[in-house]
Amino acid sequence: MSATYKLVVGDRVEFDIKFTLNDGGEDKPFGMRLSAKRQPLGEQERELGEQVKVQEFLAGRGVTLQSWIGKSPLQDAEGAPVPAGPEALAALYALVGGMVSLVFAGYLQANGARGSSGN
C-alpha cells in the first residue's frame, strides 16, 4: 500500500466489562467502564507474537478503570467502597481469577470493528 491512510475515529476506545462474582452460590453482578489507546492490528500481533504478558500488553495500551457500573466490587479495610482507578484495577487483577482475560477480550473487541444486524 503506497498511500497513507488513517481511521476517521479517535485513538481512544471506551468499553464496559460486566461480570458476576459468586457469593455463597449466588451470582452478584458488577461492571466497570474502561478506556484505552487504540492500536493497529499489526502492532497487536507483533507484541503478542513476542509473548508479552497480557497484563503488560494492557498496561501498554493505557487501559484505565474510569468508573464502576453499579456498586464497587471492592471495599477498603473499613468497609467503604473503593473508587474506580488504577489501584482498583490492579486489585481486581490480583483478586479475581480471569479478570485480566475479561479485560483483554473487552479491549480486543472495542479496538476492532463490529458487525451490525441487518447486513
PDB file of N, CA and C in Angstrom:
ATOM      1  N   MET A   1       0.859  -1.165   0.000  1.00  0.00           N
ATOM      2  CA  MET A   1       0.000   0.000   0.000  1.00  0.00           C
ATOM      3  C   MET A   1       0.906   1.229   0.000  1.00  0.00           C
ATOM      4  N   SER A   2       0.810   2.023  -1.062  1.00  0.00           N
ATOM      5  CA  SER A   2       1.692   3.185  -1.178  1.00  0.00           C
ATOM      6  C   SER A   2       1.112   4.432  -0.526  1.00  0.00           C
ATOM      7  N   ALA A   3      -0.206   4.551  -0.481  1.00  0.00           N
ATOM      8  CA  ALA A   3      -0.827   5.723   0.138  1.00  0.00           C
ATOM      9  C   ALA A   3      -0.854   5.558   1.655  1.00  0.00           C
ATOM     10  N   THR A   4      -0.909   6.680   2.341  1.00  0.00           N
ATOM     11  CA  THR A   4      -1.019   6.661   3.799  1.00  0.00           C
ATOM     12  C   THR A   4      -2.467   6.911   4.174  1.00  0.00           C
ATOM     13  N   TYR A   5      -3.008   6.022   4.989  1.00  0.00           N
ATOM     14  CA  TYR A   5      -4.394   6.141   5.431  1.00  0.00           C
ATOM     15  C   TYR A   5      -4.449   6.181   6.943  1.00  0.00           C
ATOM     16  N   LYS A   6      -5.521   6.751   7.455  1.00  0.00           N
ATOM     17  CA  LYS A   6      -5.756   6.713   8.891  1.00  0.00           C
ATOM     18  C   LYS A   6      -7.255   6.612   9.127  1.00  0.00           C
ATOM     19  N   LEU A   7      -7.619   6.113  10.281  1.00  0.00           N
ATOM     20  CA  LEU A   7      -9.024   5.971  10.637  1.00  0.00           C
ATOM     21  C   LEU A   7      -9.654   7.332  10.901  1.00  0.00           C
ATOM     22  N   VAL A   8     -10.947   7.436  10.661  1.00  0.00           N
ATOM     23  CA  VAL A   8     -11.663   8.687  10.907  1.00  0.00           C
ATOM     24  C   VAL A   8     -12.166   8.771  12.346  1.00  0.00           C
ATOM     25  N   VAL A   9     -11.877   7.755  13.143  1.00  0.00           N
ATOM     26  CA  VAL A   9     -12.260   7.759  14.559  1.00  0.00           C
ATOM     27  C   VAL A   9     -11.026   8.041  15.403  1.00  0.00           C
ATOM     28  N   GLY A  10     -11.235   8.467  16.634  1.00  0.00           N
ATOM     29  CA  GLY A  10     -10.137   8.825  17.530  1.00  0.00           C
ATOM     30  C   GLY A  10      -9.289   7.633  17.937  1.00  0.00           C
ATOM     31  N   ASP A  11      -8.190   7.925  18.630  1.00  0.00           N
ATOM     32  CA  ASP A  11      -7.270   6.864  19.032  1.00  0.00           C
ATOM     33  C   ASP A  11      -7.555   6.325  20.435  1.00  0.00           C
ATOM     34  N   ARG A  12      -8.688   6.708  21.021  1.00  0.00           N
ATOM     35  CA  ARG A  12      -9.093   6.180  22.333  1.00  0.00           C
ATOM     36  C   ARG A  12     -10.352   5.346  22.157  1.00  0.00           C
ATOM     37  N   VAL A  13     -10.409   4.231  22.872  1.00  0.00           N
ATOM     38  CA  VAL A  13     -11.611   3.401  22.899  1.00  0.00           C
ATOM     39  C   VAL A  13     -12.107   3.341  24.336  1.00  0.00           C
ATOM     40  N   GLU A  14     -13.409   3.215  24.504  1.00  0.00           N
ATOM     41  CA  GLU A  14     -14.008   3.003  25.816  1.00  0.00           C
ATOM     42  C   GLU A  14     -14.883   1.773  25.716  1.00  0.00           C
ATOM     43  N   PHE A  15     -14.902   0.981  26.781  1.00  0.00           N
ATOM     44  CA  PHE A  15     -15.682  -0.249  26.756  1.00  0.00           C
ATOM     45  C   PHE A  15     -16.091  -0.636  28.168  1.00  0.00           C
ATOM     46  N   ASP A  16     -17.205  -1.369  28.224  1.00  0.00           N
ATOM     47  CA  ASP A  16     -17.736  -1.838  29.502  1.00  0.00           C
ATOM     48  C   ASP A  16     -17.418  -3.314  29.675  1.00  0.00           C
ATOM     49  N   ILE A  17     -17.101  -3.684  30.889  1.00  0.00           N
ATOM     50  CA  ILE A  17     -16.927  -5.083  31.266  1.00  0.00           C
ATOM     51  C   ILE A  17     -17.951  -5.364  32.353  1.00  0.00           C
ATOM     52  N   LYS A  18     -18.846  -6.290  32.081  1.00  0.00           N
ATOM     53  CA  LYS A  18     -19.827  -6.708  33.081  1.00  0.00           C
ATOM     54  C   LYS A  18     -19.483  -8.126  33.490  1.00  0.00           C
ATOM     55  N   PHE A  19     -19.551  -8.395  34.791  1.00  0.00           N
ATOM     56  CA  PHE A  19     -19.167  -9.705  35.307  1.00  0.00           C
ATOM     57  C   PHE A  19     -19.963 -10.006  36.563  1.00  0.00           C
ATOM     58  N   THR A  20     -19.912 -11.260  36.969  1.00  0.00           N
ATOM     59  CA  THR A  20     -20.536 -11.651  38.230  1.00  0.00           C
ATOM     60  C   THR A  20     -19.480 -12.301  39.110  1.00  0.00           C
ATOM     61  N   LEU A  21     -19.690 -12.200  40.412  1.00  0.00           N
ATOM     62  CA  LEU A  21     -18.845 -12.878  41.388  1.00  0.00           C
ATOM     63  C   LEU A  21     -19.747 -13.774  42.224  1.00  0.00           C
ATOM     64  N   ASN A  22     -19.320 -15.015  42.401  1.00  0.00           N
ATOM     65  CA  ASN A  22     -20.092 -15.976  43.175  1.00  0.00           C
ATOM     66  C   ASN A  22     -19.949 -15.659  44.654  1.00  0.00           C
ATOM     67  N   ASP A  23     -21.071 -15.492  45.325  1.00  0.00           N
ATOM     68  CA  ASP A  23     -21.099 -15.189  46.761  1.00  0.00           C
ATOM     69  C   ASP A  23     -21.955 -16.246  47.451  1.00  0.00           C
ATOM     70  N   GLY A  24     -21.317 -17.338  47.875  1.00  0.00           N
ATOM     71  CA  GLY A  24     -22.040 -18.410  48.549  1.00  0.00           C
ATOM     72  C   GLY A  24     -23.080 -19.076  47.666  1.00  0.00           C
ATOM     73  N   GLY A  25     -22.783 -19.209  46.383  1.00  0.00           N
ATOM     74  CA  GLY A  25     -23.694 -19.839  45.449  1.00  0.00           C
ATOM     75  C   GLY A  25     -24.584 -18.867  44.697  1.00  0.00           C
ATOM     76  N   GLU A  26     -24.560 -17.603  45.073  1.00  0.00           N
ATOM     77  CA  GLU A  26     -25.365 -16.584  44.397  1.00  0.00           C
ATOM     78  C   GLU A  26     -24.443 -15.695  43.566  1.00  0.00           C
ATOM     79  N   ASP A  27     -24.788 -15.523  42.288  1.00  0.00           N
ATOM     80  CA  ASP A  27     -24.003 -14.643  41.422  1.00  0.00           C
ATOM     81  C   ASP A  27     -24.408 -13.195  41.651  1.00  0.00           C
ATOM     82  N   LYS A  28     -23.426 -12.373  42.017  1.00  0.00           N
ATOM     83  CA  LYS A  28     -23.665 -10.940  42.240  1.00  0.00           C
ATOM     84  C   LYS A  28     -23.088 -10.176  41.044  1.00  0.00           C
ATOM     85  N   PRO A  29     -23.907  -9.327  40.399  1.00  0.00           N
ATOM     86  CA  PRO A  29     -23.455  -8.609  39.201  1.00  0.00           C
ATOM     87  C   PRO A  29     -22.636  -7.353  39.531  1.00  0.00           C
ATOM     88  N   PHE A  30     -21.625  -7.121  38.721  1.00  0.00           N
ATOM     89  CA  PHE A  30     -20.783  -5.931  38.818  1.00  0.00           C
ATOM     90  C   PHE A  30     -20.408  -5.497  37.406  1.00  0.00           C
ATOM     91  N   GLY A  31     -19.859  -4.316  37.278  1.00  0.00           N
ATOM     92  CA  GLY A  31     -19.400  -3.849  35.982  1.00  0.00           C
ATOM     93  C   GLY A  31     -18.496  -2.646  36.123  1.00  0.00           C
ATOM     94  N   MET A  32     -17.781  -2.346  35.038  1.00  0.00           N
ATOM     95  CA  MET A  32     -16.870  -1.207  35.039  1.00  0.00           C
ATOM     96  C   MET A  32     -16.707  -0.676  33.630  1.00  0.00           C
ATOM     97  N   ARG A  33     -16.402   0.603  33.534  1.00  0.00           N
ATOM     98  CA  ARG A  33     -16.115   1.273  32.274  1.00  0.00           C
ATOM     99  C   ARG A  33     -14.612   1.511  32.221  1.00  0.00           C
ATOM    100  N   LEU A  34     -13.987   1.084  31.109  1.00  0.00           N
ATOM    101  CA  LEU A  34     -12.554   1.249  30.923  1.00  0.00           C
ATOM    102  C   LEU A  34     -12.286   2.061  29.664  1.00  0.00           C
ATOM    103  N   SER A  35     -11.107   2.650  29.597  1.00  0.00           N
ATOM    104  CA  SER A  35     -10.678   3.326  28.375  1.00  0.00           C
ATOM    105  C   SER A  35      -9.245   2.903  28.082  1.00  0.00           C
ATOM    106  N   ALA A  36      -8.864   3.012  26.806  1.00  0.00           N
ATOM    107  CA  ALA A  36      -7.528   2.591  26.394  1.00  0.00           C
ATOM    108  C   ALA A  36      -7.186   3.238  25.058  1.00  0.00           C
ATOM    109  N   LYS A  37      -5.926   3.112  24.678  1.00  0.00           N
ATOM    110  CA  LYS A  37      -5.437   3.616  23.394  1.00  0.00           C
ATOM    111  C   LYS A  37      -5.737   2.578  22.311  1.00  0.00           C
ATOM    112  N   ARG A  38      -6.271   3.040  21.192  1.00  0.00           N
ATOM    113  CA  ARG A  38      -6.488   2.157  20.040  1.00  0.00           C
ATOM    114  C   ARG A  38      -5.123   1.745  19.487  1.00  0.00           C
ATOM    115  N   GLN A  39      -5.021   0.510  19.015  1.00  0.00           N
ATOM    116  CA  GLN A  39      -3.756   0.037  18.465  1.00  0.00           C
ATOM    117  C   GLN A  39      -4.000  -0.703  17.155  1.00  0.00           C
ATOM    118  N   PRO A  40      -3.225  -0.410  16.113  1.00  0.00           N
ATOM    119  CA  PRO A  40      -3.373  -1.127  14.849  1.00  0.00           C
ATOM    120  C   PRO A  40      -3.119  -2.626  15.016  1.00  0.00           C
ATOM    121  N   LEU A  41      -3.800  -3.428  14.203  1.00  0.00           N
ATOM    122  CA  LEU A  41      -3.709  -4.877  14.299  1.00  0.00           C
ATOM    123  C   LEU A  41      -2.274  -5.373  14.165  1.00  0.00           C
ATOM    124  N   GLY A  42      -1.507  -4.811  13.259  1.00  0.00           N
ATOM    125  CA  GLY A  42      -0.128  -5.260  13.066  1.00  0.00           C
ATOM    126  C   GLY A  42       0.708  -5.107  14.328  1.00  0.00           C
ATOM    127  N   GLU A  43       0.525  -3.998  15.035  1.00  0.00           N
ATOM    128  CA  GLU A  43       1.258  -3.788  16.291  1.00  0.00           C
ATOM    129  C   GLU A  43       0.809  -4.784  17.351  1.00  0.00           C
ATOM    130  N   GLN A  44      -0.497  -5.046  17.412  1.00  0.00           N
ATOM    131  CA  GLN A  44      -1.006  -6.034  18.372  1.00  0.00           C
ATOM    132  C   GLN A  44      -0.379  -7.396  18.113  1.00  0.00           C
ATOM    133  N   GLU A  45      -0.420  -7.825  16.853  1.00  0.00           N
ATOM    134  CA  GLU A  45       0.109  -9.143  16.502  1.00  0.00           C
ATOM    135  C   GLU A  45       1.596  -9.243  16.811  1.00  0.00           C
ATOM    136  N   ARG A  46       2.344  -8.174  16.527  1.00  0.00           N
ATOM    137  CA  ARG A  46       3.787  -8.193  16.806  1.00  0.00           C
ATOM    138  C   ARG A  46       4.041  -8.357  18.297  1.00  0.00           C
ATOM    139  N   GLU A  47       3.360  -7.551  19.111  1.00  0.00           N
ATOM    140  CA  GLU A  47       3.575  -7.625  20.556  1.00  0.00           C
ATOM    141  C   GLU A  47       3.138  -8.961  21.125  1.00  0.00           C
ATOM    142  N   LEU A  48       1.991  -9.440  20.688  1.00  0.00           N
ATOM    143  CA  LEU A  48       1.518 -10.724  21.205  1.00  0.00           C
ATOM    144  C   LEU A  48       2.391 -11.864  20.704  1.00  0.00           C
ATOM    145  N   GLY A  49       2.959 -11.714  19.496  1.00  0.00           N
ATOM    146  CA  GLY A  49       3.890 -12.710  18.973  1.00  0.00           C
ATOM    147  C   GLY A  49       5.177 -12.761  19.782  1.00  0.00           C
ATOM    148  N   GLU A  50       5.530 -11.638  20.405  1.00  0.00           N
ATOM    149  CA  GLU A  50       6.710 -11.591  21.273  1.00  0.00           C
ATOM    150  C   GLU A  50       6.401 -12.162  22.649  1.00  0.00           C
ATOM    151  N   GLN A  51       5.179 -12.628  22.826  1.00  0.00           N
ATOM    152  CA  GLN A  51       4.715 -13.260  24.056  1.00  0.00           C
ATOM    153  C   GLN A  51       4.849 -12.354  25.274  1.00  0.00           C
ATOM    154  N   VAL A  52       4.459 -11.099  25.092  1.00  0.00           N
ATOM    155  CA  VAL A  52       4.404 -10.223  26.259  1.00  0.00           C
ATOM    156  C   VAL A  52       3.276 -10.716  27.158  1.00  0.00           C
ATOM    157  N   LYS A  53       3.390 -10.480  28.437  1.00  0.00           N
ATOM    158  CA  LYS A  53       2.321 -10.861  29.351  1.00  0.00           C
ATOM    159  C   LYS A  53       1.096 -10.008  29.050  1.00  0.00           C
ATOM    160  N   VAL A  54      -0.076 -10.622  29.147  1.00  0.00           N
ATOM    161  CA  VAL A  54      -1.314  -9.922  28.810  1.00  0.00           C
ATOM    162  C   VAL A  54      -1.470  -8.665  29.657  1.00  0.00           C
ATOM    163  N   GLN A  55      -1.142  -8.745  30.931  1.00  0.00           N
ATOM    164  CA  GLN A  55      -1.274  -7.574  31.801  1.00  0.00           C
ATOM    165  C   GLN A  55      -0.337  -6.454  31.338  1.00  0.00           C
ATOM    166  N   GLU A  56       0.864  -6.797  30.880  1.00  0.00           N
ATOM    167  CA  GLU A  56       1.790  -5.793  30.346  1.00  0.00           C
ATOM    168  C   GLU A  56       1.249  -5.202  29.043  1.00  0.00           C
ATOM    169  N   PHE A  57       0.653  -6.053  28.218  1.00  0.00           N
ATOM    170  CA  PHE A  57       0.045  -5.586  26.969  1.00  0.00           C
ATOM    171  C   PHE A  57      -1.032  -4.551  27.268  1.00  0.00           C
ATOM    172  N   LEU A  58      -1.914  -4.850  28.235  1.00  0.00           N
ATOM    173  CA  LEU A  58      -2.988  -3.924  28.593  1.00  0.00           C
ATOM    174  C   LEU A  58      -2.424  -2.625  29.164  1.00  0.00           C
ATOM    175  N   ALA A  59      -1.405  -2.732  29.999  1.00  0.00           N
ATOM    176  CA  ALA A  59      -0.781  -1.529  30.563  1.00  0.00           C
ATOM    177  C   ALA A  59      -0.174  -0.675  29.449  1.00  0.00           C
ATOM    178  N   GLY A  60       0.396  -1.318  28.443  1.00  0.00           N
ATOM    179  CA  GLY A  60       0.974  -0.600  27.311  1.00  0.00           C
ATOM    180  C   GLY A  60      -0.057   0.136  26.476  1.00  0.00           C
ATOM    181  N   ARG A  61      -1.295  -0.283  26.554  1.00  0.00           N
ATOM    182  CA  ARG A  61      -2.386   0.400  25.849  1.00  0.00           C
ATOM    183  C   ARG A  61      -2.995   1.478  26.724  1.00  0.00           C
ATOM    184  N   GLY A  62      -2.507   1.604  27.947  1.00  0.00           N
ATOM    185  CA  GLY A  62      -3.036   2.621  28.855  1.00  0.00           C
ATOM    186  C   GLY A  62      -4.438   2.314  29.339  1.00  0.00           C
ATOM    187  N   VAL A  63      -4.759   1.032  29.521  1.00  0.00           N
ATOM    188  CA  VAL A  63      -6.095   0.666  29.997  1.00  0.00           C
ATOM    189  C   VAL A  63      -6.289   1.247  31.392  1.00  0.00           C
ATOM    190  N   THR A  64      -7.353   2.020  31.556  1.00  0.00           N
ATOM    191  CA  THR A  64      -7.650   2.636  32.848  1.00  0.00           C
ATOM    192  C   THR A  64      -9.102   2.382  33.225  1.00  0.00           C
ATOM    193  N   LEU A  65      -9.322   2.199  34.504  1.00  0.00           N
ATOM    194  CA  LEU A  65     -10.665   1.993  35.051  1.00  0.00           C
ATOM    195  C   LEU A  65     -11.275   3.364  35.305  1.00  0.00           C
ATOM    196  N   GLN A  66     -12.259   3.745  34.490  1.00  0.00           N
ATOM    197  CA  GLN A  66     -12.871   5.072  34.563  1.00  0.00           C
ATOM    198  C   GLN A  66     -13.949   5.170  35.634  1.00  0.00           C
ATOM    199  N   SER A  67     -14.813   4.156  35.696  1.00  0.00           N
ATOM    200  CA  SER A  67     -15.935   4.209  36.641  1.00  0.00           C
ATOM    201  C   SER A  67     -16.510   2.814  36.836  1.00  0.00           C
ATOM    202  N   TRP A  68     -17.256   2.678  37.908  1.00  0.00           N
ATOM    203  CA  TRP A  68     -17.991   1.440  38.170  1.00  0.00           C
ATOM    204  C   TRP A  68     -19.352   1.542  37.510  1.00  0.00           C
ATOM    205  N   ILE A  69     -19.872   0.421  37.087  1.00  0.00           N
ATOM    206  CA  ILE A  69     -21.263   0.326  36.645  1.00  0.00           C
ATOM    207  C   ILE A  69     -21.989  -0.318  37.819  1.00  0.00           C
ATOM    208  N   GLY A  70     -22.734   0.465  38.550  1.00  0.00           N
ATOM    209  CA  GLY A  70     -23.353  -0.047  39.774  1.00  0.00           C
ATOM    210  C   GLY A  70     -22.375   0.046  40.936  1.00  0.00           C
ATOM    211  N   LYS A  71     -22.459  -0.925  41.849  1.00  0.00           N
ATOM    212  CA  LYS A  71     -21.622  -0.907  43.055  1.00  0.00           C
ATOM    213  C   LYS A  71     -20.194  -1.351  42.768  1.00  0.00           C
ATOM    214  N   SER A  72     -19.263  -0.837  43.563  1.00  0.00           N
ATOM    215  CA  SER A  72     -17.877  -1.288  43.508  1.00  0.00           C
ATOM    216  C   SER A  72     -17.798  -2.713  44.053  1.00  0.00           C
ATOM    217  N   PRO A  73     -17.056  -3.599  43.380  1.00  0.00           N
ATOM    218  CA  PRO A  73     -16.876  -4.946  43.911  1.00  0.00           C
ATOM    219  C   PRO A  73     -15.794  -5.015  44.992  1.00  0.00           C
ATOM    220  N   LEU A  74     -15.187  -3.882  45.300  1.00  0.00           N
ATOM    221  CA  LEU A  74     -14.093  -3.822  46.270  1.00  0.00           C
ATOM    222  C   LEU A  74     -14.465  -2.902  47.425  1.00  0.00           C
ATOM    223  N   GLN A  75     -13.938  -3.233  48.593  1.00  0.00           N
ATOM    224  CA  GLN A  75     -14.073  -2.333  49.736  1.00  0.00           C
ATOM    225  C   GLN A  75     -12.736  -2.250  50.449  1.00  0.00           C
ATOM    226  N   ASP A  76     -12.526  -1.134  51.154  1.00  0.00           N
ATOM    227  CA  ASP A  76     -11.278  -0.960  51.889  1.00  0.00           C
ATOM    228  C   ASP A  76     -11.378  -1.633  53.257  1.00  0.00           C
ATOM    229  N   ALA A  77     -10.343  -1.486  54.069  1.00  0.00           N
ATOM    230  CA  ALA A  77     -10.283  -2.147  55.379  1.00  0.00           C
ATOM    231  C   ALA A  77     -11.413  -1.715  56.306  1.00  0.00           C
ATOM    232  N   GLU A  78     -11.958  -0.519  56.098  1.00  0.00           N
ATOM    233  CA  GLU A  78     -13.061  -0.026  56.930  1.00  0.00           C
ATOM    234  C   GLU A  78     -14.426  -0.395  56.353  1.00  0.00           C
ATOM    235  N   GLY A  79     -14.434  -1.086  55.208  1.00  0.00           N
ATOM    236  CA  GLY A  79     -15.691  -1.484  54.593  1.00  0.00           C
ATOM    237  C   GLY A  79     -16.280  -0.476  53.629  1.00  0.00           C
ATOM    238  N   ALA A  80     -15.534   0.592  53.328  1.00  0.00           N
ATOM    239  CA  ALA A  80     -16.012   1.611  52.387  1.00  0.00           C
ATOM    240  C   ALA A  80     -15.733   1.162  50.952  1.00  0.00           C
ATOM    241  N   PRO A  81     -16.628   1.489  50.010  1.00  0.00           N
ATOM    242  CA  PRO A  81     -16.395   1.134  48.608  1.00  0.00           C
ATOM    243  C   PRO A  81     -15.118   1.788  48.082  1.00  0.00           C
ATOM    244  N   VAL A  82     -14.380   1.045  47.273  1.00  0.00           N
ATOM    245  CA  VAL A  82     -13.141   1.548  46.681  1.00  0.00           C
ATOM    246  C   VAL A  82     -13.492   2.293  45.392  1.00  0.00           C
ATOM    247  N   PRO A  83     -13.005   3.531  45.224  1.00  0.00           N
ATOM    248  CA  PRO A  83     -13.290   4.266  43.990  1.00  0.00           C
ATOM    249  C   PRO A  83     -12.573   3.637  42.790  1.00  0.00           C
ATOM    250  N   ALA A  84     -13.146   3.857  41.611  1.00  0.00           N
ATOM    251  CA  ALA A  84     -12.525   3.383  40.374  1.00  0.00           C
ATOM    252  C   ALA A  84     -11.196   4.098  40.178  1.00  0.00           C
ATOM    253  N   GLY A  85     -10.226   3.396  39.612  1.00  0.00           N
ATOM    254  CA  GLY A  85      -8.921   3.974  39.344  1.00  0.00           C
ATOM    255  C   GLY A  85      -7.885   2.882  39.169  1.00  0.00           C
ATOM    256  N   PRO A  86      -6.620   3.268  38.998  1.00  0.00           N
ATOM    257  CA  PRO A  86      -5.563   2.296  38.735  1.00  0.00           C
ATOM    258  C   PRO A  86      -5.375   1.271  39.856  1.00  0.00           C
ATOM    259  N   GLU A  87      -5.466   1.718  41.105  1.00  0.00           N
ATOM    260  CA  GLU A  87      -5.288   0.781  42.220  1.00  0.00           C
ATOM    261  C   GLU A  87      -6.419  -0.236  42.268  1.00  0.00           C
ATOM    262  N   ALA A  88      -7.634   0.205  41.972  1.00  0.00           N
ATOM    263  CA  ALA A  88      -8.776  -0.711  41.966  1.00  0.00           C
ATOM    264  C   ALA A  88      -8.623  -1.750  40.855  1.00  0.00           C
ATOM    265  N   LEU A  89      -8.182  -1.321  39.670  1.00  0.00           N
ATOM    266  CA  LEU A  89      -7.993  -2.266  38.572  1.00  0.00           C
ATOM    267  C   LEU A  89      -6.902  -3.274  38.915  1.00  0.00           C
ATOM    268  N   ALA A  90      -5.798  -2.815  39.497  1.00  0.00           N
ATOM    269  CA  ALA A  90      -4.725  -3.723  39.908  1.00  0.00           C
ATOM    270  C   ALA A  90      -5.229  -4.717  40.952  1.00  0.00           C
ATOM    271  N   ALA A  91      -6.065  -4.254  41.874  1.00  0.00           N
ATOM    272  CA  ALA A  91      -6.625  -5.148  42.892  1.00  0.00           C
ATOM    273  C   ALA A  91      -7.520  -6.201  42.251  1.00  0.00           C
ATOM    274  N   LEU A  92      -8.345  -5.810  41.288  1.00  0.00           N
ATOM    275  CA  LEU A  92      -9.197  -6.791  40.601  1.00  0.00           C
ATOM    276  C   LEU A  92      -8.352  -7.827  39.873  1.00  0.00           C
ATOM    277  N   TYR A  93      -7.298  -7.377  39.193  1.00  0.00           N
ATOM    278  CA  TYR A  93      -6.406  -8.325  38.523  1.00  0.00           C
ATOM    279  C   TYR A  93      -5.837  -9.330  39.524  1.00  0.00           C
ATOM    280  N   ALA A  94      -5.465  -8.856  40.710  1.00  0.00           N
ATOM    281  CA  ALA A  94      -4.832  -9.715  41.712  1.00  0.00           C
ATOM    282  C   ALA A  94      -5.829 -10.614  42.443  1.00  0.00           C
ATOM    283  N   LEU A  95      -7.050 -10.133  42.647  1.00  0.00           N
ATOM    284  CA  LEU A  95      -8.007 -10.847  43.494  1.00  0.00           C
ATOM    285  C   LEU A  95      -9.004 -11.728  42.746  1.00  0.00           C
ATOM    286  N   VAL A  96      -9.250 -11.434  41.477  1.00  0.00           N
ATOM    287  CA  VAL A  96     -10.304 -12.142  40.742  1.00  0.00           C
ATOM    288  C   VAL A  96      -9.699 -12.931  39.586  1.00  0.00           C
ATOM    289  N   GLY A  97      -9.762 -14.243  39.681  1.00  0.00           N
ATOM    290  CA  GLY A  97      -9.288 -15.101  38.601  1.00  0.00           C
ATOM    291  C   GLY A  97     -10.030 -14.806  37.312  1.00  0.00           C
ATOM    292  N   GLY A  98      -9.318 -14.685  36.225  1.00  0.00           N
ATOM    293  CA  GLY A  98      -9.922 -14.446  34.924  1.00  0.00           C
ATOM    294  C   GLY A  98     -10.187 -12.987  34.594  1.00  0.00           C
ATOM    295  N   MET A  99      -9.968 -12.072  35.538  1.00  0.00           N
ATOM    296  CA  MET A  99     -10.268 -10.658  35.271  1.00  0.00           C
ATOM    297  C   MET A  99      -9.379 -10.097  34.162  1.00  0.00           C
ATOM    298  N   VAL A 100      -8.103 -10.450  34.159  1.00  0.00           N
ATOM    299  CA  VAL A 100      -7.201  -9.961  33.108  1.00  0.00           C
ATOM    300  C   VAL A 100      -7.715 -10.427  31.746  1.00  0.00           C
ATOM    301  N   SER A 101      -8.164 -11.677  31.668  1.00  0.00           N
ATOM    302  CA  SER A 101      -8.683 -12.210  30.406  1.00  0.00           C
ATOM    303  C   SER A 101      -9.953 -11.491  29.967  1.00  0.00           C
ATOM    304  N   LEU A 102     -10.844 -11.177  30.918  1.00  0.00           N
ATOM    305  CA  LEU A 102     -12.066 -10.436  30.579  1.00  0.00           C
ATOM    306  C   LEU A 102     -11.735  -9.061  30.009  1.00  0.00           C
ATOM    307  N   VAL A 103     -10.809  -8.361  30.650  1.00  0.00           N
ATOM    308  CA  VAL A 103     -10.428  -7.023  30.191  1.00  0.00           C
ATOM    309  C   VAL A 103      -9.737  -7.114  28.827  1.00  0.00           C
ATOM    310  N   PHE A 104      -8.878  -8.107  28.647  1.00  0.00           N
ATOM    311  CA  PHE A 104      -8.185  -8.305  27.372  1.00  0.00           C
ATOM    312  C   PHE A 104      -9.192  -8.540  26.245  1.00  0.00           C
ATOM    313  N   ALA A 105     -10.149  -9.431  26.476  1.00  0.00           N
ATOM    314  CA  ALA A 105     -11.173  -9.716  25.461  1.00  0.00           C
ATOM    315  C   ALA A 105     -12.003  -8.466  25.165  1.00  0.00           C
ATOM    316  N   GLY A 106     -12.349  -7.717  26.203  1.00  0.00           N
ATOM    317  CA  GLY A 106     -13.106  -6.479  26.004  1.00  0.00           C
ATOM    318  C   GLY A 106     -12.324  -5.463  25.203  1.00  0.00           C
ATOM    319  N   TYR A 107     -11.027  -5.354  25.478  1.00  0.00           N
ATOM    320  CA  TYR A 107     -10.183  -4.420  24.734  1.00  0.00           C
ATOM    321  C   TYR A 107     -10.117  -4.810  23.261  1.00  0.00           C
ATOM    322  N   LEU A 108      -9.864  -6.097  22.985  1.00  0.00           N
ATOM    323  CA  LEU A 108      -9.764  -6.534  21.596  1.00  0.00           C
ATOM    324  C   LEU A 108     -11.058  -6.265  20.840  1.00  0.00           C
ATOM    325  N   GLN A 109     -12.182  -6.494  21.490  1.00  0.00           N
ATOM    326  CA  GLN A 109     -13.470  -6.241  20.845  1.00  0.00           C
ATOM    327  C   GLN A 109     -13.675  -4.743  20.601  1.00  0.00           C
ATOM    328  N   ALA A 110     -13.359  -3.915  21.587  1.00  0.00           N
ATOM    329  CA  ALA A 110     -13.542  -2.467  21.444  1.00  0.00           C
ATOM    330  C   ALA A 110     -12.592  -1.876  20.411  1.00  0.00           C
ATOM    331  N   ASN A 111     -11.410  -2.449  20.279  1.00  0.00           N
ATOM    332  CA  ASN A 111     -10.391  -1.942  19.370  1.00  0.00           C
ATOM    333  C   ASN A 111     -10.700  -2.280  17.910  1.00  0.00           C
ATOM    334  N   GLY A 112     -11.495  -3.320  17.688  1.00  0.00           N
ATOM    335  CA  GLY A 112     -11.779  -3.764  16.327  1.00  0.00           C
ATOM    336  C   GLY A 112     -13.140  -3.311  15.833  1.00  0.00           C
ATOM    337  N   ALA A 113     -13.472  -3.774  14.653  1.00  0.00           N
ATOM    338  CA  ALA A 113     -14.774  -3.470  14.051  1.00  0.00           C
ATOM    339  C   ALA A 113     -15.813  -4.463  14.559  1.00  0.00           C
ATOM    340  N   ARG A 114     -17.065  -4.011  14.610  1.00  0.00           N
ATOM    341  CA  ARG A 114     -18.167  -4.895  14.992  1.00  0.00           C
ATOM    342  C   ARG A 114     -19.209  -4.848  13.890  1.00  0.00           C
ATOM    343  N   GLY A 115     -19.746  -5.999  13.594  1.00  0.00           N
ATOM    344  CA  GLY A 115     -20.832  -6.067  12.624  1.00  0.00           C
ATOM    345  C   GLY A 115     -22.134  -5.634  13.273  1.00  0.00           C
ATOM    346  N   SER A 116     -23.107  -5.298  12.447  1.00  0.00           N
ATOM    347  CA  SER A 116     -24.426  -4.968  12.974  1.00  0.00           C
ATOM    348  C   SER A 116     -25.452  -5.823  12.253  1.00  0.00           C
ATOM    349  N   SER A 117     -26.524  -6.148  12.940  1.00  0.00           N
ATOM    350  CA  SER A 117     -27.539  -6.997  12.324  1.00  0.00           C
ATOM    351  C   SER A 117     -28.186  -6.265  11.159  1.00  0.00           C
ATOM    352  N   GLY A 118     -28.634  -7.034  10.196  1.00  0.00           N
ATOM    353  CA  GLY A 118     -29.261  -6.445   9.023  1.00  0.00           C
ATOM    354  C   GLY A 118     -28.299  -6.234   7.867  1.00  0.00           C
ATOM    355  N   ASN A 119     -27.038  -6.711   8.012  1.00  0.00           N
ATOM    356  CA  ASN A 119     -26.064  -6.569   6.916  1.00  0.00           C
ATOM    357  C   ASN A 119     -26.509  -7.367   5.720  1.00  0.00           C
TER     358      ASN A 119
END
